[in-house]
Amino acid sequence: MSIDLDILKVQGVKINYYYVCKRKLWMFSKGITMESNNDRVMSGKIVHERSYPRVKNKESLVDDILKLDMITSEYVREVKISSKMKKADEMQLYYYLYYLKKKMNIDKKGLINYVTEKKQEEVVLTSDVEGEIEEALVNINSICESKYPPTLQKLPYCTKCAYYEFCFVKEEN
């Protein structure tokens, strides 16, 4: 699949949301943000800010769209609290690697730092993953351009989501 990355480029959080919940992705794309009032999101920001205090260059902004947590000569590093959303975390980092490769001709490996678990996971971009990223970008574009949100799906982690009340307000009696 060949895509136009200038048209389909998105923030990394949208890739993450695509793999977590497509309804959350749609709401975020419409400017409906609930994260500022969510304790889990706030604790994640605190962990992120306090992690790796000796690293000087945290949060590099690329093309006014990608916010890379850390970048070294070998790795793009992403800081996450836990590995509970592993697939979404991996795909977000793969997207960063894909973007750097396609738009800037920069080849790097990725490293996810799960700080509360004190573990790291290395990711390496492959042609299969590139195809999955391209397919996700096309689907994300379709979801974000849709007039209506995707159908509500009750997922195991919904009750901890910042958008829970928005989605399920009619469900409770």
C-alpha atoms as a PDB file:
ATOM      1  CA  MET A   1       0.000   0.000   0.000  1.00  0.00           C
ATOM      2  CA  SER A   2       1.313   3.428  -0.848  1.00  0.00           C
ATOM      3  CA  ILE A   3      -0.046   6.363   1.127  1.00  0.00           C
ATOM      4  CA  ASP A   4       0.489  10.103   1.150  1.00  0.00           C
ATOM      5  CA  LEU A   5       1.924  10.732   4.590  1.00  0.00           C
ATOM      6  CA  ASP A   6       1.498  14.487   4.193  1.00  0.00           C
ATOM      7  CA  ILE A   7      -2.273  13.966   4.043  1.00  0.00           C
ATOM      8  CA  LEU A   8      -2.579  11.087   6.521  1.00  0.00           C
ATOM      9  CA  LYS A   9      -0.057  12.074   9.185  1.00  0.00           C
ATOM     10  CA  VAL A  10      -1.520  12.203  12.682  1.00  0.00           C
ATOM     11  CA  GLN A  11      -0.464  12.758  16.262  1.00  0.00           C
ATOM     12  CA  GLY A  12       0.961   9.687  17.977  1.00  0.00           C
ATOM     13  CA  VAL A  13      -1.877   9.720  20.490  1.00  0.00           C
ATOM     14  CA  LYS A  14      -4.335   9.055  17.661  1.00  0.00           C
ATOM     15  CA  ILE A  15      -2.450   5.900  16.722  1.00  0.00           C
ATOM     16  CA  ASN A  16      -2.569   4.873  20.371  1.00  0.00           C
ATOM     17  CA  TYR A  17      -6.294   5.582  20.649  1.00  0.00           C
ATOM     18  CA  TYR A  18      -6.962   3.686  17.397  1.00  0.00           C
ATOM     19  CA  TYR A  19      -5.662   0.532  19.059  1.00  0.00           C
ATOM     20  CA  VAL A  20      -7.337   1.229  22.420  1.00  0.00           C
ATOM     21  CA  CYS A  21     -10.792   2.468  21.360  1.00  0.00           C
ATOM     22  CA  LYS A  22     -11.948   3.856  18.036  1.00  0.00           C
ATOM     23  CA  ARG A  23     -14.762   5.799  19.725  1.00  0.00           C
ATOM     24  CA  LYS A  24     -12.212   7.529  21.968  1.00  0.00           C
ATOM     25  CA  LEU A  25     -10.188   8.342  18.840  1.00  0.00           C
ATOM     26  CA  TRP A  26     -13.239   9.887  17.175  1.00  0.00           C
ATOM     27  CA  MET A  27     -14.092  12.017  20.226  1.00  0.00           C
ATOM     28  CA  PHE A  28     -10.491  13.189  20.593  1.00  0.00           C
ATOM     29  CA  SER A  29     -10.401  14.108  16.895  1.00  0.00           C
ATOM     30  CA  LYS A  30     -13.493  16.284  17.398  1.00  0.00           C
ATOM     31  CA  GLY A  31     -11.878  18.184  20.270  1.00  0.00           C
ATOM     32  CA  ILE A  32     -13.788  16.339  22.981  1.00  0.00           C
ATOM     33  CA  THR A  33     -11.048  15.853  25.553  1.00  0.00           C
ATOM     34  CA  MET A  34     -11.734  14.411  28.963  1.00  0.00           C
ATOM     35  CA  GLU A  35      -8.171  13.653  30.036  1.00  0.00           C
ATOM     36  CA  SER A  36      -7.613  16.821  32.052  1.00  0.00           C
ATOM     37  CA  ASN A  37     -10.048  15.608  34.727  1.00  0.00           C
ATOM     38  CA  ASN A  38      -8.818  12.015  34.882  1.00  0.00           C
ATOM     39  CA  ASP A  39      -6.634  10.867  37.791  1.00  0.00           C
ATOM     40  CA  ARG A  40      -4.972   8.084  35.764  1.00  0.00           C
ATOM     41  CA  VAL A  41      -3.945  10.531  33.051  1.00  0.00           C
ATOM     42  CA  MET A  42      -2.626  12.991  35.630  1.00  0.00           C
ATOM     43  CA  SER A  43      -0.597  10.294  37.405  1.00  0.00           C
ATOM     44  CA  GLY A  44       0.825   9.273  34.023  1.00  0.00           C
ATOM     45  CA  LYS A  45       1.956  12.827  33.365  1.00  0.00           C
ATOM     46  CA  ILE A  46       3.619  13.009  36.776  1.00  0.00           C
ATOM     47  CA  VAL A  47       5.428   9.697  36.258  1.00  0.00           C
ATOM     48  CA  HIS A  48       6.521  10.890  32.820  1.00  0.00           C
ATOM     49  CA  GLU A  49       7.861  14.201  34.135  1.00  0.00           C
ATOM     50  CA  ARG A  50       9.751  12.604  37.023  1.00  0.00           C
ATOM     51  CA  SER A  51      11.211   9.705  35.065  1.00  0.00           C
ATOM     52  CA  TYR A  52      14.763   9.909  33.780  1.00  0.00           C
ATOM     53  CA  PRO A  53      15.661  13.222  35.466  1.00  0.00           C
ATOM     54  CA  ARG A  54      19.244  13.098  34.132  1.00  0.00           C
ATOM     55  CA  VAL A  55      18.074  13.048  30.516  1.00  0.00           C
ATOM     56  CA  LYS A  56      18.421  16.572  29.175  1.00  0.00           C
ATOM     57  CA  ASN A  57      16.448  16.365  25.939  1.00  0.00           C
ATOM     58  CA  LYS A  58      13.023  15.057  26.844  1.00  0.00           C
ATOM     59  CA  GLU A  59      10.049  15.658  24.567  1.00  0.00           C
ATOM     60  CA  SER A  60      11.268  16.560  21.109  1.00  0.00           C
ATOM     61  CA  LEU A  61       8.589  17.957  18.812  1.00  0.00           C
ATOM     62  CA  VAL A  62       8.871  16.754  15.201  1.00  0.00           C
ATOM     63  CA  ASP A  63       7.024  18.577  12.398  1.00  0.00           C
ATOM     64  CA  ASP A  64       4.679  20.156  14.965  1.00  0.00           C
ATOM     65  CA  ILE A  65       2.839  16.829  15.222  1.00  0.00           C
ATOM     66  CA  LEU A  66       4.935  14.125  16.909  1.00  0.00           C
ATOM     67  CA  LYS A  67       6.053  14.460  20.500  1.00  0.00           C
ATOM     68  CA  LEU A  68       8.935  12.049  21.054  1.00  0.00           C
ATOM     69  CA  ASP A  69       9.615  11.398  24.726  1.00  0.00           C
ATOM     70  CA  MET A  70      13.360  10.878  24.263  1.00  0.00           C
ATOM     71  CA  ILE A  71      15.662  10.392  21.335  1.00  0.00           C
ATOM     72  CA  THR A  72      19.214   9.063  21.390  1.00  0.00           C
ATOM     73  CA  SER A  73      21.710   8.142  18.705  1.00  0.00           C
ATOM     74  CA  GLU A  74      20.227   4.635  18.511  1.00  0.00           C
ATOM     75  CA  TYR A  75      16.686   4.839  19.897  1.00  0.00           C
ATOM     76  CA  VAL A  76      13.433   6.707  19.980  1.00  0.00           C
ATOM     77  CA  ARG A  77      12.287   6.092  23.545  1.00  0.00           C
ATOM     78  CA  GLU A  78       8.725   6.213  24.757  1.00  0.00           C
ATOM     79  CA  VAL A  79       7.842   6.365  28.473  1.00  0.00           C
ATOM     80  CA  LYS A  80       4.717   4.531  29.617  1.00  0.00           C
ATOM     81  CA  ILE A  81       3.426   3.754  33.110  1.00  0.00           C
ATOM     82  CA  SER A  82       2.614   0.089  32.507  1.00  0.00           C
ATOM     83  CA  SER A  83       2.351  -2.480  29.751  1.00  0.00           C
ATOM     84  CA  LYS A  84      -1.422  -2.911  30.098  1.00  0.00           C
ATOM     85  CA  MET A  85      -1.980  -1.331  26.673  1.00  0.00           C
ATOM     86  CA  LYS A  86       1.087  -2.940  25.116  1.00  0.00           C
ATOM     87  CA  LYS A  87      -0.193  -3.199  21.525  1.00  0.00           C
ATOM     88  CA  ALA A  88      -1.278   0.460  21.472  1.00  0.00           C
ATOM     89  CA  ASP A  89       2.055   1.536  22.995  1.00  0.00           C
ATOM     90  CA  GLU A  90       4.032  -0.482  20.477  1.00  0.00           C
ATOM     91  CA  MET A  91       2.052   0.830  17.518  1.00  0.00           C
ATOM     92  CA  GLN A  92       2.473   4.425  18.653  1.00  0.00           C
ATOM     93  CA  LEU A  93       6.239   3.940  18.802  1.00  0.00           C
ATOM     94  CA  TYR A  94       6.259   2.051  15.505  1.00  0.00           C
ATOM     95  CA  TYR A  95       4.434   5.023  13.973  1.00  0.00           C
ATOM     96  CA  TYR A  96       7.142   7.378  15.216  1.00  0.00           C
ATOM     97  CA  LEU A  97       9.810   5.135  13.670  1.00  0.00           C
ATOM     98  CA  TYR A  98       7.802   4.887  10.445  1.00  0.00           C
ATOM     99  CA  TYR A  99       7.323   8.651  10.245  1.00  0.00           C
ATOM    100  CA  LEU A 100      11.003   9.384  10.871  1.00  0.00           C
ATOM    101  CA  LYS A 101      11.996   6.861   8.218  1.00  0.00           C
ATOM    102  CA  LYS A 102       9.525   7.964   5.532  1.00  0.00           C
ATOM    103  CA  LYS A 103       9.583  11.729   6.065  1.00  0.00           C
ATOM    104  CA  MET A 104      13.135  12.364   7.289  1.00  0.00           C
ATOM    105  CA  ASN A 105      15.120   9.324   6.148  1.00  0.00           C
ATOM    106  CA  ILE A 106      16.060   8.560   9.773  1.00  0.00           C
ATOM    107  CA  ASP A 107      16.319   4.897  10.762  1.00  0.00           C
ATOM    108  CA  LYS A 108      16.165   4.162  14.476  1.00  0.00           C
ATOM    109  CA  LYS A 109      15.007   1.415  16.781  1.00  0.00           C
ATOM    110  CA  GLY A 110      12.416   2.010  19.450  1.00  0.00           C
ATOM    111  CA  LEU A 111      12.519   1.425  23.173  1.00  0.00           C
ATOM    112  CA  ILE A 112       9.447   1.500  25.405  1.00  0.00           C
ATOM    113  CA  ASN A 113      10.219   2.190  29.061  1.00  0.00           C
ATOM    114  CA  TYR A 114       7.503   0.859  31.375  1.00  0.00           C
ATOM    115  CA  VAL A 115       8.609   2.797  34.430  1.00  0.00           C
ATOM    116  CA  THR A 116       6.411   1.365  37.200  1.00  0.00           C
ATOM    117  CA  GLU A 117       7.263  -2.158  36.052  1.00  0.00           C
ATOM    118  CA  LYS A 118      10.943  -1.260  35.655  1.00  0.00           C
ATOM    119  CA  LYS A 119      11.214  -2.950  32.288  1.00  0.00           C
ATOM    120  CA  GLN A 120      12.004  -2.016  28.720  1.00  0.00           C
ATOM    121  CA  GLU A 121      10.925  -3.405  25.378  1.00  0.00           C
ATOM    122  CA  GLU A 122      12.814  -2.890  22.145  1.00  0.00           C
ATOM    123  CA  VAL A 123      10.851  -2.580  18.897  1.00  0.00           C
ATOM    124  CA  VAL A 124      12.233  -2.705  15.383  1.00  0.00           C
ATOM    125  CA  LEU A 125      10.253  -1.478  12.393  1.00  0.00           C
ATOM    126  CA  THR A 126       9.627  -4.161   9.748  1.00  0.00           C
ATOM    127  CA  SER A 127       7.895  -4.041   6.372  1.00  0.00           C
ATOM    128  CA  ASP A 128       4.919  -5.937   7.865  1.00  0.00           C
ATOM    129  CA  VAL A 129       4.565  -3.339  10.617  1.00  0.00           C
ATOM    130  CA  GLU A 130       4.891  -0.544   8.041  1.00  0.00           C
ATOM    131  CA  GLY A 131       1.922  -2.061   6.200  1.00  0.00           C
ATOM    132  CA  GLU A 132      -0.089  -2.197   9.422  1.00  0.00           C
ATOM    133  CA  ILE A 133       0.756   1.447  10.171  1.00  0.00           C
ATOM    134  CA  GLU A 134      -0.337   2.500   6.669  1.00  0.00           C
ATOM    135  CA  GLU A 135      -3.622   0.626   7.042  1.00  0.00           C
ATOM    136  CA  ALA A 136      -4.173   2.200  10.469  1.00  0.00           C
ATOM    137  CA  LEU A 137      -3.540   5.702   9.064  1.00  0.00           C
ATOM    138  CA  VAL A 138      -6.158   5.176   6.347  1.00  0.00           C
ATOM    139  CA  ASN A 139      -8.645   3.873   8.939  1.00  0.00           C
ATOM    140  CA  ILE A 140      -7.882   6.698  11.368  1.00  0.00           C
ATOM    141  CA  ASN A 141      -8.560   9.224   8.621  1.00  0.00           C
ATOM    142  CA  SER A 142     -11.886   7.545   7.896  1.00  0.00           C
ATOM    143  CA  ILE A 143     -12.896   7.484  11.574  1.00  0.00           C
ATOM    144  CA  CYS A 144     -11.911  11.113  12.140  1.00  0.00           C
ATOM    145  CA  GLU A 145     -13.788  12.310   9.052  1.00  0.00           C
ATOM    146  CA  SER A 146     -16.947  10.441  10.032  1.00  0.00           C
ATOM    147  CA  LYS A 147     -19.919  12.539  11.133  1.00  0.00           C
ATOM    148  CA  TYR A 148     -20.830  10.043  13.873  1.00  0.00           C
ATOM    149  CA  PRO A 149     -18.748   8.150  16.415  1.00  0.00           C
ATOM    150  CA  PRO A 150     -18.106   4.428  16.033  1.00  0.00           C
ATOM    151  CA  THR A 151     -20.548   2.119  17.780  1.00  0.00           C
ATOM    152  CA  LEU A 152     -20.106   1.844  21.510  1.00  0.00           C
ATOM    153  CA  GLN A 153     -18.219  -1.280  22.585  1.00  0.00           C
ATOM    154  CA  LYS A 154     -17.912  -2.281  26.227  1.00  0.00           C
ATOM    155  CA  LEU A 155     -14.230  -3.118  26.714  1.00  0.00           C
ATOM    156  CA  PRO A 156     -12.621  -4.475  29.894  1.00  0.00           C
ATOM    157  CA  TYR A 157     -10.871  -1.180  30.617  1.00  0.00           C
ATOM    158  CA  CYS A 158     -13.787   1.190  29.898  1.00  0.00           C
ATOM    159  CA  THR A 159     -14.466   1.967  33.573  1.00  0.00           C
ATOM    160  CA  LYS A 160     -10.933   3.405  33.932  1.00  0.00           C
ATOM    161  CA  CYS A 161     -11.176   5.523  30.777  1.00  0.00           C
ATOM    162  CA  ALA A 162     -11.440   9.314  30.924  1.00  0.00           C
ATOM    163  CA  TYR A 163     -14.357   9.079  28.464  1.00  0.00           C
ATOM    164  CA  TYR A 164     -16.328   6.494  30.479  1.00  0.00           C
ATOM    165  CA  GLU A 165     -19.084   8.827  31.670  1.00  0.00           C
ATOM    166  CA  PHE A 166     -19.427  10.350  28.225  1.00  0.00           C
ATOM    167  CA  CYS A 167     -19.951   6.941  26.627  1.00  0.00           C
ATOM    168  CA  PHE A 168     -22.036   5.239  29.276  1.00  0.00           C
ATOM    169  CA  VAL A 169     -24.173   8.047  30.759  1.00  0.00           C
ATOM    170  CA  LYS A 170     -27.365   6.473  29.317  1.00  0.00           C
ATOM    171  CA  GLU A 171     -26.394   2.966  30.379  1.00  0.00           C
ATOM    172  CA  GLU A 172     -26.808   3.483  34.126  1.00  0.00           C
ATOM    173  CA  ASN A 173     -30.198   3.791  35.809  1.00  0.00           C
END
